[in-house]
Each structure stands twice: as structure tokens, then as C-alpha cells.
Protein backbone atom coordinates (compact mmCIF):
# COMPACT_ATOMS: atom_id res chain seq x y z
CA MET A 1 -16.59 -25.06 22.49
CA ARG A 2 -14.64 -22.00 24.11
CA THR A 3 -12.57 -19.27 21.99
CA SER A 4 -9.87 -16.56 23.63
CA THR A 5 -10.22 -12.96 23.44
CA SER A 6 -8.33 -10.28 24.71
CA VAL A 7 -9.63 -7.15 26.54
CA ARG A 8 -7.74 -3.63 27.00
CA ILE A 9 -8.82 -2.27 30.51
CA ASP A 10 -6.68 0.21 32.67
CA GLU A 11 -4.55 -1.44 35.24
CA GLU A 12 -6.41 0.09 38.11
CA THR A 13 -9.78 -0.68 36.77
CA LYS A 14 -8.25 -4.80 36.32
CA ALA A 15 -6.95 -4.50 39.97
CA ILE A 16 -10.34 -3.39 41.34
CA ALA A 17 -12.26 -5.56 39.43
CA SER A 18 -10.05 -8.63 40.35
CA GLU A 19 -10.35 -8.26 43.64
CA VAL A 20 -14.29 -7.36 43.76
CA LEU A 21 -14.92 -10.37 41.93
CA LYS A 22 -12.35 -12.20 44.14
CA GLN A 23 -14.55 -11.62 47.04
CA TYR A 24 -17.52 -13.55 45.10
CA GLY A 25 -15.31 -16.66 44.48
CA MET A 26 -14.49 -15.92 40.75
CA SER A 27 -11.50 -14.83 38.53
CA LEU A 28 -11.50 -11.59 36.05
CA SER A 29 -12.02 -14.15 33.45
CA GLU A 30 -15.20 -15.39 34.51
CA GLY A 31 -16.63 -11.93 35.52
CA ILE A 32 -16.18 -11.09 32.01
CA ASN A 33 -17.83 -14.57 30.81
CA LEU A 34 -20.76 -13.54 33.45
CA PHE A 35 -21.31 -10.55 31.77
CA CYS A 36 -20.80 -11.63 28.47
CA LYS A 37 -23.54 -14.46 29.05
CA GLN A 38 -25.89 -11.61 30.64
CA VAL A 39 -25.76 -9.55 27.31
CA ALA A 40 -26.39 -12.80 25.38
CA MET A 41 -29.60 -13.82 27.47
CA THR A 42 -31.15 -10.45 27.63
CA TYR A 43 -29.60 -8.83 24.44
CA SER A 44 -29.16 -6.07 26.40
CA ILE A 45 -26.70 -4.43 28.89
CA PRO A 46 -27.04 -5.81 32.53
CA PHE A 47 -27.09 -2.70 34.26
CA GLU A 48 -28.54 0.74 33.90
CA LEU A 49 -26.58 3.28 31.54
CA LYS A 50 -26.83 6.63 32.34
CA VAL A 51 -25.73 9.91 30.48
CA PRO A 52 -24.56 12.75 32.85
CA SER A 53 -26.46 15.86 32.87
CA LYS A 54 -24.86 19.04 31.66
CA ARG A 55 -24.65 20.23 35.21
CA MET A 56 -22.73 16.70 36.14
CA GLU A 57 -20.73 17.04 33.34
CA LYS A 58 -19.38 20.36 34.44
CA ALA A 59 -19.20 19.16 37.84
CA LEU A 60 -16.82 16.27 36.62
CA LYS A 61 -15.06 18.82 34.19
CA GLU A 62 -14.12 20.92 37.41
CA LEU A 63 -13.04 17.96 39.23
CA SER A 64 -10.88 17.04 36.99
CA LYS A 65 -9.27 20.47 36.63
CA ARG A 66 -9.50 20.83 40.60
CA LYS A 67 -11.17 23.73 40.10
CA GLY A 68 -14.77 23.05 42.10
CA LYS A 69 -16.19 24.87 44.91
CA SER A 70 -15.13 23.84 48.68
CA PHE A 71 -17.63 24.62 51.45
CA ASP A 72 -16.85 24.98 55.14
CA SER A 73 -19.74 23.19 56.62
CA PRO A 74 -22.69 20.62 55.34
CA GLU A 75 -25.20 23.82 55.42
CA ALA A 76 -23.25 25.86 53.03
CA LEU A 77 -22.94 22.79 50.51
CA LYS A 78 -26.86 22.31 50.86
CA ALA A 79 -27.24 26.12 50.49
CA ASP A 80 -25.20 26.19 47.38
CA LEU A 81 -27.26 23.33 46.04
CA GLU A 82 -30.41 24.82 46.34
CA SER A 83 -29.55 28.23 44.75
């Protein structure tokens, strides 16, 4: 027996996910079903979840505020990363 459910996601995510799944010959509904079946079969999330590091959180905040550093060359970026 099948049941219906409702999932709330933002429009952009839905559009991108739908397009990717379409390339695999699946609808969004079939993709969500596949995800749920994997969770049920493995009793786990079927992909690795990562908690952002403090450095990553800081970088993400800077990006959202458009206050991140910019560099004139890959070498300058590398030097900053290594400092």
C-alpha cells in the first residue's frame, strides 16, 4: 500500500533536484522514494553528513555578508591559506 506525504523545500532546490533526477530517468517523487527506501534498509542516512569546521563556518558567514577576501592570483590565495 502506498501513502501520500508532503515535503517542503525551496523552489531552487526542487528545480535543480528535479533536473538531476530527470537525467537518471526519475521523477522527484521517485528520488524521494529512493532516499526513504535507503534510510529504511540501512537505518542510516545514505550519505556522509559533515559538520562544518569553525573555519568553514567563518568563511560561510563572510561569503553571505560578501566580506570574504579576494586574491589577485592563485599564488596569493595559496600563501593566505598556508599562513
